[in-house]
Every structure is written in C-alpha cells, then in structure tokens.
C-alpha cells in the first residue's frame, strides 16, 4: 500500500524509514530547453509543479489505470524526481514515450510514469541533468495570496532543474494534504499556483506552522535534510 506521509513525515528526507527497504523508483521530468529560446526560470518551476499535479490527478495514475502500479511502487519508496533537459530531436524522442506534456507561458515540461531508479529508457537516459541554468528576463509578479504558493527557501541556491524537482515535491505534498473535494476543485481550476522565493523574514514562520514542508534527501546540490519548499495552499492555512 502506498505510504502517504503523516504530518511531519517527509518522504524526501534521509532518516531511516521502512520505505527505504522497498525497490526505489523515480518520476522523470524533462524540460525543453532550446538554445535559441530557453524558458524563463519561474515559469519552468511552475510548469514542472503543474506537471506533477496533472500526473497525480490523471485517471491513468489512479485506481486500476495503466500507470497506477508504477505510482504505487514509487510512493511506497522515497518520492524521487529527476529533471533532465532536451532539445530538438531529443525532445521529439521524449515526447514519443508515454507521458503528459504541460505547457506554460514559455516552458514545456513532460512528465513520465515512475520507473526503477536504474531502469531509465534509453531515450531519457541519454539526456543531461546538468545545464538547467535558467533566468527570469523580468522579476516575476508578486504571488496572488488567494492562490496556492510554493515558497522556496531563500537561503538555498539551486539549479533550475533541482528547484523544479523541489517545486514538484511541494506540489505533491499539497495534493496529499487535500481531501477529495479540495483536489477536484484545484484540478477543475487548472491547478493555478505560483512558485516564489520566500521573504527571509517569513521563512521561519512558514516552516514552523502546519503547512506541508519538503526536506530534501540531499542526493544532489544541497545538504541532506535541508528545508527547500513550503506548500502554502489556501485550504491548508
């Protein structure tokens, strides 16, 4: 049975847990980064978060759907996500695999059913994890407080790919924390959300409240146990 974490129990951090004994799976995400037109960083983060939500809400990922067994295997272990980049023919080959492509204002992200940690399809295994250094041409607008916001730790520096995975983690924890009615309302609205760095003065308040908090396992870039994202959904305030 999938292990939906209780409050305070993050499936991302490194403390020993029974889920470590299960076979490990990963949710692949691929972001399209063309040399001539790379996406804006914030839009890439938000598009990745929505891709995770659309995947979790897809009928194929639930019940007896064709992806449901892979999702159960993934949720019984650590909830890993890996973001890779593609362009040109690489992107076209990735799009040919089963998955969901989500388009933002400038970003395209494709999410795929979970796969074994060492079982990447050759079309995805060849893609690079590095090289996802993206920028915002203009500062993003302030987040709408009436909408869900995924607040990033203002004290951590992460590549865009790492931050995309963390935003996906935060979106997933928010999804798990909602009841069926709240999930349906969010899905029917098109999963509106924002991803923004938190104000340093607000970070302590955000991380000591009741909101879902991502503590990273520390496999890449940042120290194990680092608090990376707070999922601030209006229904959870």
Protein backbone atom coordinates (compact mmCIF):
# COMPACT_ATOMS: atom_id res chain seq x y z
CA UNK A 1 0.00 0.00 0.00
CA UNK A 2 1.25 3.48 -0.82
CA UNK A 3 2.56 5.33 2.20
CA UNK A 4 1.00 8.79 2.27
CA UNK A 5 3.09 10.61 4.89
CA UNK A 6 1.60 11.80 8.13
CA UNK A 7 2.17 15.43 9.17
CA UNK A 8 5.86 15.93 9.86
CA UNK A 9 6.81 12.73 8.00
CA UNK A 10 8.51 13.70 4.75
CA UNK A 11 9.16 11.02 2.12
CA UNK A 12 12.14 13.01 0.86
CA UNK A 13 14.47 13.23 3.86
CA UNK A 14 17.22 10.77 4.77
CA UNK A 15 16.30 9.39 8.19
CA UNK A 16 15.88 5.57 8.10
CA UNK A 17 12.34 4.59 7.24
CA UNK A 18 10.59 1.34 6.18
CA UNK A 19 10.11 2.83 2.69
CA UNK A 20 13.90 2.55 2.24
CA UNK A 21 13.51 -1.23 2.10
CA UNK A 22 11.22 -1.04 -0.94
CA UNK A 23 12.58 -1.01 -4.52
CA UNK A 24 13.36 2.59 -5.41
CA UNK A 25 11.56 4.35 -8.26
CA UNK A 26 11.87 7.82 -9.76
CA UNK A 27 9.44 10.17 -11.50
CA UNK A 28 11.17 11.53 -14.63
CA UNK A 29 10.51 15.06 -15.84
CA UNK A 30 12.05 16.52 -18.98
CA UNK A 31 12.17 20.25 -19.63
CA UNK A 32 12.57 21.54 -23.16
CA UNK A 33 15.49 23.95 -23.39
CA UNK A 34 16.21 25.11 -26.93
CA UNK A 35 19.37 27.15 -27.39
CA UNK A 36 17.53 29.96 -29.15
CA UNK A 37 14.58 30.19 -26.76
CA UNK A 38 15.16 28.85 -23.23
CA UNK A 39 12.21 29.11 -20.87
CA UNK A 40 12.04 31.59 -18.02
CA UNK A 41 13.13 30.07 -14.73
CA UNK A 42 9.99 30.78 -12.70
CA UNK A 43 7.73 29.56 -15.50
CA UNK A 44 9.77 26.34 -15.72
CA UNK A 45 9.36 25.77 -11.97
CA UNK A 46 5.62 26.41 -12.07
CA UNK A 47 5.15 24.25 -15.15
CA UNK A 48 7.02 21.37 -13.51
CA UNK A 49 4.83 21.64 -10.40
CA UNK A 50 1.67 21.59 -12.52
CA UNK A 51 3.01 18.62 -14.48
CA UNK A 52 3.34 16.64 -11.25
CA UNK A 53 -0.20 17.59 -10.23
CA UNK A 54 -1.66 16.72 -13.62
CA UNK A 55 0.08 13.37 -13.44
CA UNK A 56 -1.20 12.63 -9.93
CA UNK A 57 -4.74 13.59 -10.94
CA UNK A 58 -4.72 11.63 -14.20
CA UNK A 59 -7.02 8.59 -14.30
CA UNK A 60 -4.15 6.50 -15.68
CA UNK A 61 -2.20 7.09 -12.44
CA UNK A 62 -5.04 6.10 -10.11
CA UNK A 63 -7.11 3.03 -9.29
CA UNK A 64 -6.67 0.43 -11.99
CA UNK A 65 -5.17 2.82 -14.51
CA UNK A 66 -2.27 1.75 -16.69
CA UNK A 67 0.24 3.77 -14.64
CA UNK A 68 -1.26 3.04 -11.22
CA UNK A 69 1.01 0.12 -10.29
CA UNK A 70 4.10 2.15 -11.12
CA UNK A 71 2.76 5.00 -9.00
CA UNK A 72 2.13 2.66 -6.05
CA UNK A 73 5.65 1.27 -6.32
CA UNK A 74 7.04 4.80 -6.43
CA UNK A 75 5.01 6.03 -3.46
CA UNK A 76 5.99 3.00 -1.37
CA UNK A 77 9.62 4.12 -1.62
CA UNK A 78 11.29 7.53 -1.48
CA UNK A 79 9.45 10.05 -3.64
CA UNK A 80 12.27 10.81 -6.03
CA UNK A 81 12.01 13.13 -9.02
CA UNK A 82 14.74 13.80 -11.58
CA UNK A 83 14.62 16.63 -14.11
CA UNK A 84 16.55 16.30 -17.35
CA UNK A 85 16.76 18.65 -20.32
CA UNK A 86 16.17 18.07 -24.02
CA UNK A 87 16.05 19.99 -27.26
CA UNK A 88 15.37 19.30 -30.92
CA UNK A 89 15.34 15.60 -31.79
CA UNK A 90 15.92 14.69 -28.13
CA UNK A 91 12.67 16.39 -27.19
CA UNK A 92 10.78 14.72 -30.04
CA UNK A 93 12.00 11.30 -28.93
CA UNK A 94 10.99 12.04 -25.35
CA UNK A 95 7.53 13.14 -26.47
CA UNK A 96 7.05 9.79 -28.23
CA UNK A 97 7.16 7.98 -24.86
CA UNK A 98 4.01 7.65 -22.69
CA UNK A 99 3.59 10.72 -20.52
CA UNK A 100 1.98 14.15 -20.23
CA UNK A 101 3.35 17.38 -21.70
CA UNK A 102 2.46 20.58 -19.86
CA UNK A 103 2.98 23.98 -21.46
CA UNK A 104 3.47 27.21 -19.54
CA UNK A 105 3.98 30.71 -20.84
CA UNK A 106 7.47 29.88 -22.09
CA UNK A 107 8.20 26.40 -20.70
CA UNK A 108 7.37 22.89 -21.82
CA UNK A 109 7.75 20.02 -19.37
CA UNK A 110 6.91 16.37 -19.96
CA UNK A 111 6.29 14.04 -17.01
CA UNK A 112 6.53 10.27 -17.35
CA UNK A 113 5.25 7.34 -15.27
CA UNK A 114 7.65 6.29 -12.50
CA UNK A 115 10.49 3.97 -13.48
CA UNK A 116 13.01 1.92 -11.48
CA UNK A 117 15.93 4.04 -10.33
CA UNK A 118 18.28 2.06 -12.57
CA UNK A 119 15.75 1.41 -15.36
CA UNK A 120 15.69 4.59 -17.44
CA UNK A 121 14.51 4.21 -21.06
CA UNK A 122 17.37 4.85 -23.47
CA UNK A 123 15.57 7.92 -24.86
CA UNK A 124 15.68 9.52 -21.41
CA UNK A 125 18.90 8.00 -20.07
CA UNK A 126 20.88 9.93 -22.69
CA UNK A 127 19.52 13.29 -21.58
CA UNK A 128 21.60 15.57 -19.39
CA UNK A 129 20.72 16.54 -15.84
CA UNK A 130 23.17 19.44 -15.82
CA UNK A 131 22.75 22.59 -17.87
CA UNK A 132 19.43 23.74 -16.48
CA UNK A 133 20.68 27.19 -15.53
CA UNK A 134 17.71 29.40 -16.38
CA UNK A 135 16.96 33.04 -15.65
CA UNK A 136 13.90 35.25 -15.44
CA UNK A 137 14.09 38.02 -18.06
CA UNK A 138 11.98 40.14 -15.71
CA UNK A 139 11.24 39.73 -12.00
CA UNK A 140 8.05 37.66 -11.58
CA UNK A 141 4.97 39.42 -10.27
CA UNK A 142 4.05 39.04 -6.62
CA UNK A 143 2.16 35.85 -5.85
CA UNK A 144 -1.62 36.05 -5.55
CA UNK A 145 -2.33 35.23 -1.88
CA UNK A 146 -5.69 33.69 -2.84
CA UNK A 147 -3.91 31.02 -4.90
CA UNK A 148 -1.56 28.18 -3.85
CA UNK A 149 2.06 29.29 -3.48
CA UNK A 150 5.11 27.05 -3.27
CA UNK A 151 7.59 29.06 -1.22
CA UNK A 152 11.28 28.34 -1.89
CA UNK A 153 13.90 28.56 0.83
CA UNK A 154 15.52 31.97 0.25
CA UNK A 155 18.80 30.79 1.78
CA UNK A 156 19.45 27.94 -0.68
CA UNK A 157 20.98 28.18 -4.13
CA UNK A 158 19.66 25.53 -6.53
CA UNK A 159 19.92 24.99 -10.26
CA UNK A 160 16.64 25.37 -12.13
CA UNK A 161 16.44 21.59 -12.55
CA UNK A 162 16.87 20.99 -8.83
CA UNK A 163 14.35 23.70 -7.99
CA UNK A 164 11.88 22.20 -10.49
CA UNK A 165 12.08 18.86 -8.69
CA UNK A 166 11.62 20.58 -5.33
CA UNK A 167 8.60 22.50 -6.59
CA UNK A 168 7.19 19.19 -7.78
CA UNK A 169 7.73 17.73 -4.30
CA UNK A 170 5.92 20.66 -2.72
CA UNK A 171 3.00 20.36 -5.12
CA UNK A 172 2.74 16.66 -4.34
CA UNK A 173 2.68 17.23 -0.58
CA UNK A 174 -0.07 19.82 -1.03
CA UNK A 175 -2.04 17.35 -3.17
CA UNK A 176 -1.72 14.66 -0.50
CA UNK A 177 -2.83 17.06 2.24
CA UNK A 178 -6.10 17.97 0.50
CA UNK A 179 -9.32 16.00 0.65
CA UNK A 180 -11.04 14.71 -2.48
CA UNK A 181 -13.29 17.74 -2.83
CA UNK A 182 -10.39 20.16 -2.50
CA UNK A 183 -8.33 18.18 -5.00
CA UNK A 184 -11.17 18.18 -7.52
CA UNK A 185 -11.64 21.94 -7.15
CA UNK A 186 -7.92 22.57 -7.72
CA UNK A 187 -7.85 20.23 -10.71
CA UNK A 188 -11.00 21.76 -12.25
CA UNK A 189 -9.45 25.23 -11.92
CA UNK A 190 -6.41 24.07 -13.92
CA UNK A 191 -4.04 23.80 -10.95
CA UNK A 192 -3.28 27.51 -10.51
CA UNK A 193 -0.14 28.07 -8.45
CA UNK A 194 2.91 30.24 -8.06
CA UNK A 195 6.49 29.40 -7.15
CA UNK A 196 8.36 32.20 -5.42
CA UNK A 197 11.35 32.62 -3.08
CA UNK A 198 10.06 33.33 0.39
CA UNK A 199 10.89 36.59 2.10
CA UNK A 200 13.71 35.71 4.54
CA UNK A 201 11.73 37.37 7.32
CA UNK A 202 8.79 35.00 6.66
CA UNK A 203 10.71 31.73 6.27
CA UNK A 204 10.78 30.79 9.96
CA UNK A 205 7.03 31.37 10.27
CA UNK A 206 6.34 29.31 7.17
CA UNK A 207 8.44 26.36 8.34
CA UNK A 208 7.11 26.24 11.89
CA UNK A 209 3.42 26.22 11.03
CA UNK A 210 1.11 23.46 9.82
CA UNK A 211 1.88 23.75 6.11
CA UNK A 212 3.50 20.83 4.23
CA UNK A 213 7.28 21.13 4.18
CA UNK A 214 9.79 19.43 1.90
CA UNK A 215 13.04 18.26 3.50
CA UNK A 216 15.38 17.16 0.74
CA UNK A 217 17.21 13.84 0.86
CA UNK A 218 20.42 15.58 -0.19
CA UNK A 219 21.37 13.36 -3.12
CA UNK A 220 22.41 16.40 -5.19
CA UNK A 221 23.41 20.04 -4.70
CA UNK A 222 22.23 20.65 -1.13
CA UNK A 223 22.78 19.14 2.31
CA UNK A 224 20.56 16.26 3.48
CA UNK A 225 17.55 17.39 5.48
CA UNK A 226 17.54 20.90 4.02
CA UNK A 227 14.11 22.55 4.06
CA UNK A 228 13.50 23.51 0.45
CA UNK A 229 9.81 24.26 -0.12
CA UNK A 230 6.71 25.11 1.89
CA UNK A 231 3.40 24.30 0.17
CA UNK A 232 1.01 27.12 1.03
CA UNK A 233 -2.44 26.13 -0.26
CA UNK A 234 -5.43 28.25 0.87
CA UNK A 235 -7.29 25.12 2.02
CA UNK A 236 -4.41 24.27 4.37
CA UNK A 237 -3.99 27.65 6.06
